[in-house]
Amino acid sequence: MAAKWLEFITGSLEQKKQYRDAKKRIEALPEPYRTVANAQHRYTMYYGGITDGDTLVRIFLDLADLWERAAVDGTPIADIVGDDPVEYAESYAEAYGGTQWVDKERARLIEAVDDAKKKEHRS
């Protein structure tokens, strides 16, 4: 009972566990993969603005998979990231879709403009 109440307030405990596991896997990577994976993780948290827990967990589990595989295979970082690390990180995050915090603000903006137009036409 308490777990369900706690999850209602804080979100899925399973998602939190999966996120922490992904973060631990990233921290266990050898250098320089760990540095790049942490930088991509941090950028995704700021850039992505994703509010859907399932999507966010999937992104970070896949991120850990990607960089673990690259480390095992010895794949050069440039072969993954390319010439523009920002473009790479943004494309990576955008590929997952999901609800972003800005979606709510976009809807509010559209609603405010629509309401203003209606009031303007009534005047």
Protein backbone atom coordinates (compact mmCIF):
# COMPACT_ATOMS: atom_id res chain seq x y z
CA MET A 1 0.00 0.00 0.00
CA ALA A 2 2.72 2.47 0.97
CA ALA A 3 4.69 1.69 -2.19
CA LYS A 4 1.70 2.55 -4.40
CA TRP A 5 1.18 5.81 -2.54
CA LEU A 6 4.88 6.64 -2.83
CA GLU A 7 4.88 5.86 -6.56
CA PHE A 8 1.83 8.09 -7.00
CA ILE A 9 3.80 10.98 -5.50
CA THR A 10 7.29 10.32 -6.90
CA GLY A 11 6.74 8.24 -10.01
CA SER A 12 7.59 4.64 -10.79
CA LEU A 13 10.09 3.06 -8.42
CA GLU A 14 10.96 0.52 -11.12
CA GLN A 15 11.85 3.35 -13.52
CA LYS A 16 14.07 4.92 -10.88
CA LYS A 17 15.83 1.58 -10.36
CA GLN A 18 16.35 1.14 -14.11
CA TYR A 19 17.67 4.70 -14.41
CA ARG A 20 20.13 4.17 -11.53
CA ASP A 21 21.26 0.89 -13.11
CA ALA A 22 21.89 2.62 -16.44
CA LYS A 23 23.82 5.38 -14.68
CA LYS A 24 25.97 2.79 -12.86
CA ARG A 25 26.72 1.08 -16.16
CA ILE A 26 27.82 4.39 -17.65
CA GLU A 27 30.03 5.08 -14.62
CA ALA A 28 31.66 1.65 -15.08
CA LEU A 29 32.73 2.37 -18.66
CA PRO A 30 36.43 2.73 -19.38
CA GLU A 31 37.76 6.12 -20.42
CA PRO A 32 37.23 7.93 -22.77
CA TYR A 33 33.83 6.27 -23.31
CA ARG A 34 32.68 7.14 -19.78
CA THR A 35 33.41 10.84 -20.31
CA VAL A 36 31.49 10.97 -23.58
CA ALA A 37 28.57 8.88 -22.28
CA ASN A 38 28.28 11.12 -19.20
CA ALA A 39 28.42 14.23 -21.37
CA GLN A 40 25.71 12.84 -23.66
CA HIS A 41 23.62 11.86 -20.63
CA ARG A 42 23.90 15.35 -19.16
CA TYR A 43 23.12 17.02 -22.49
CA THR A 44 20.10 14.79 -23.03
CA MET A 45 18.75 15.71 -19.60
CA TYR A 46 18.96 19.41 -20.45
CA TYR A 47 18.17 19.32 -24.16
CA GLY A 48 15.58 16.56 -24.28
CA GLY A 49 13.21 17.96 -21.68
CA ILE A 50 11.42 14.62 -21.80
CA THR A 51 8.73 14.20 -19.16
CA ASP A 52 7.72 10.63 -19.99
CA GLY A 53 9.52 8.29 -17.58
CA ASP A 54 9.33 5.24 -19.85
CA THR A 55 10.95 7.12 -22.72
CA LEU A 56 13.64 8.63 -20.52
CA VAL A 57 14.56 5.25 -19.03
CA ARG A 58 14.68 3.68 -22.49
CA ILE A 59 16.98 6.46 -23.73
CA PHE A 60 19.46 5.94 -20.91
CA LEU A 61 19.37 2.14 -21.01
CA ASP A 62 20.08 2.33 -24.74
CA LEU A 63 22.79 4.92 -24.12
CA ALA A 64 24.51 2.54 -21.70
CA ASP A 65 24.15 -0.30 -24.24
CA LEU A 66 25.59 1.84 -27.03
CA TRP A 67 28.68 2.96 -25.13
CA GLU A 68 29.28 -0.45 -23.55
CA ARG A 69 29.24 -2.03 -27.01
CA ALA A 70 31.54 0.69 -28.37
CA ALA A 71 34.00 0.12 -25.51
CA VAL A 72 33.99 -3.67 -25.99
CA ASP A 73 34.46 -3.34 -29.76
CA GLY A 74 37.00 -0.52 -29.44
CA THR A 75 34.89 1.65 -31.76
CA PRO A 76 36.41 5.12 -32.13
CA ILE A 77 34.25 7.81 -30.57
CA ALA A 78 34.30 9.82 -33.79
CA ASP A 79 32.73 6.86 -35.61
CA ILE A 80 29.71 7.16 -33.32
CA VAL A 81 29.48 10.89 -32.71
CA GLY A 82 30.72 12.15 -36.06
CA ASP A 83 31.98 15.70 -36.57
CA ASP A 84 29.22 17.46 -34.65
CA PRO A 85 28.59 16.07 -31.17
CA VAL A 86 25.64 18.42 -30.60
CA GLU A 87 23.87 17.29 -33.75
CA TYR A 88 24.54 13.68 -32.79
CA ALA A 89 23.18 14.06 -29.24
CA GLU A 90 20.11 15.98 -30.38
CA SER A 91 19.31 13.47 -33.12
CA TYR A 92 19.75 10.65 -30.64
CA ALA A 93 17.28 12.19 -28.18
CA GLU A 94 14.79 13.21 -30.88
CA ALA A 95 14.70 9.67 -32.25
CA TYR A 96 12.88 8.59 -29.08
CA GLY A 97 10.08 11.12 -29.31
CA GLY A 98 8.17 11.22 -26.05
CA THR A 99 6.44 14.07 -24.29
CA GLN A 100 8.63 17.08 -23.60
CA TRP A 101 8.04 19.82 -21.04
CA VAL A 102 7.87 22.35 -23.87
CA ASP A 103 4.88 20.52 -25.39
CA LYS A 104 2.71 21.81 -22.55
CA GLU A 105 3.99 25.35 -23.08
CA ARG A 106 3.36 25.12 -26.82
CA ALA A 107 -0.23 24.09 -26.12
CA ARG A 108 -0.62 27.01 -23.69
CA LEU A 109 0.74 29.45 -26.27
CA ILE A 110 -1.59 28.17 -28.97
CA GLU A 111 -4.57 28.32 -26.61
CA ALA A 112 -3.72 31.87 -25.51
CA VAL A 113 -3.41 33.08 -29.10
CA ASP A 114 -6.64 31.32 -30.13
CA ASP A 115 -8.49 32.85 -27.17
CA ALA A 116 -7.13 36.29 -27.98
CA LYS A 117 -8.20 35.96 -31.62
CA LYS A 118 -11.73 34.98 -30.56
CA LYS A 119 -11.97 37.97 -28.20
CA GLU A 120 -10.59 40.24 -30.90
CA HIS A 121 -13.27 39.15 -33.37
CA ARG A 122 -16.04 39.70 -30.80
CA SER A 123 -14.98 43.29 -30.19
